[in-house]
């Protein structure tokens, strides 16, 4: 797995960030036999905003898949106390 990202403090409470996320999954092997064309390299772009609120962090994010083996899109929110 690998991850490369960048964040920007938009204000004292808000940070905007982006990340490039990838991994490499090698060919499938079963009983010592390799199956060709089963290796994968899912790549994604992640956009997020981290917002500080009353001793909590709220981080809405969206991920966009860049390859066929990555999910097309993901949306979520992370709450941290």
Protein backbone atom coordinates (compact mmCIF):
# COMPACT_ATOMS: atom_id res chain seq x y z
CA UNK A 1 0.00 0.00 0.00
CA UNK A 2 1.05 3.54 -0.60
CA UNK A 3 -0.43 6.94 0.16
CA UNK A 4 0.64 10.45 -0.82
CA UNK A 5 -1.31 13.42 0.48
CA UNK A 6 -1.40 17.15 1.03
CA UNK A 7 -3.36 19.28 3.49
CA UNK A 8 -4.10 22.99 3.59
CA UNK A 9 -5.28 24.90 6.68
CA UNK A 10 -8.14 27.02 5.32
CA UNK A 11 -8.82 28.51 8.77
CA UNK A 12 -8.14 27.76 12.44
CA UNK A 13 -10.88 25.12 12.41
CA UNK A 14 -10.91 23.77 8.84
CA UNK A 15 -8.26 21.79 6.97
CA UNK A 16 -8.76 20.73 3.35
CA UNK A 17 -6.86 17.68 2.17
CA UNK A 18 -6.36 15.44 -0.81
CA UNK A 19 -4.61 12.09 -1.08
CA UNK A 20 -3.57 9.62 -3.76
CA UNK A 21 -4.06 6.09 -2.43
CA UNK A 22 -2.90 2.91 -4.12
CA UNK A 23 -1.88 -0.67 -3.56
CA UNK A 24 -0.60 -3.61 -5.53
CA UNK A 25 -2.16 -7.06 -5.21
CA UNK A 26 -0.05 -9.81 -6.75
CA UNK A 27 -1.31 -12.72 -8.85
CA UNK A 28 -3.51 -15.30 -7.17
CA UNK A 29 -1.79 -18.59 -6.34
CA UNK A 30 -3.49 -21.83 -5.32
CA UNK A 31 -1.68 -25.09 -4.62
CA UNK A 32 1.49 -23.61 -6.07
CA UNK A 33 -0.17 -22.69 -9.36
CA UNK A 34 -0.34 -19.06 -10.49
CA UNK A 35 -3.39 -17.66 -12.24
CA UNK A 36 -2.36 -15.13 -14.91
CA UNK A 37 -4.00 -11.69 -15.13
CA UNK A 38 -5.24 -11.78 -11.52
CA UNK A 39 -2.93 -9.06 -10.25
CA UNK A 40 -4.60 -5.74 -9.40
CA UNK A 41 -3.59 -2.15 -8.72
CA UNK A 42 -6.57 -0.21 -7.33
CA UNK A 43 -5.88 3.55 -7.33
CA UNK A 44 -8.05 6.25 -5.68
CA UNK A 45 -8.15 9.99 -5.06
CA UNK A 46 -9.48 11.13 -1.66
CA UNK A 47 -10.83 14.64 -0.98
CA UNK A 48 -11.66 15.64 2.61
CA UNK A 49 -12.34 18.53 4.94
CA UNK A 50 -11.40 18.19 8.62
CA UNK A 51 -13.47 20.47 10.84
CA UNK A 52 -12.74 21.08 14.55
CA UNK A 53 -15.90 21.56 16.63
CA UNK A 54 -16.04 21.68 20.45
CA UNK A 55 -13.25 19.17 21.17
CA UNK A 56 -14.35 16.96 18.25
CA UNK A 57 -13.19 16.44 14.70
CA UNK A 58 -15.63 15.89 11.85
CA UNK A 59 -14.20 14.77 8.50
CA UNK A 60 -16.51 14.37 5.52
CA UNK A 61 -14.71 12.74 2.58
CA UNK A 62 -15.20 11.38 -0.90
CA UNK A 63 -13.02 8.82 -2.73
CA UNK A 64 -12.94 8.47 -6.50
CA UNK A 65 -11.67 5.29 -8.12
CA UNK A 66 -9.12 5.77 -10.89
CA UNK A 67 -8.85 2.17 -12.08
CA UNK A 68 -11.33 -0.62 -12.82
CA UNK A 69 -10.23 -2.54 -9.72
CA UNK A 70 -10.99 0.37 -7.36
CA UNK A 71 -14.50 1.23 -6.16
CA UNK A 72 -16.07 3.87 -8.44
CA UNK A 73 -16.84 6.22 -5.52
CA UNK A 74 -17.15 6.23 -1.74
CA UNK A 75 -18.65 8.92 0.49
CA UNK A 76 -18.39 9.05 4.27
CA UNK A 77 -17.94 11.00 7.48
CA UNK A 78 -15.51 10.28 10.30
CA UNK A 79 -16.29 11.62 13.79
CA UNK A 80 -13.46 11.73 16.35
CA UNK A 81 -13.85 12.77 19.99
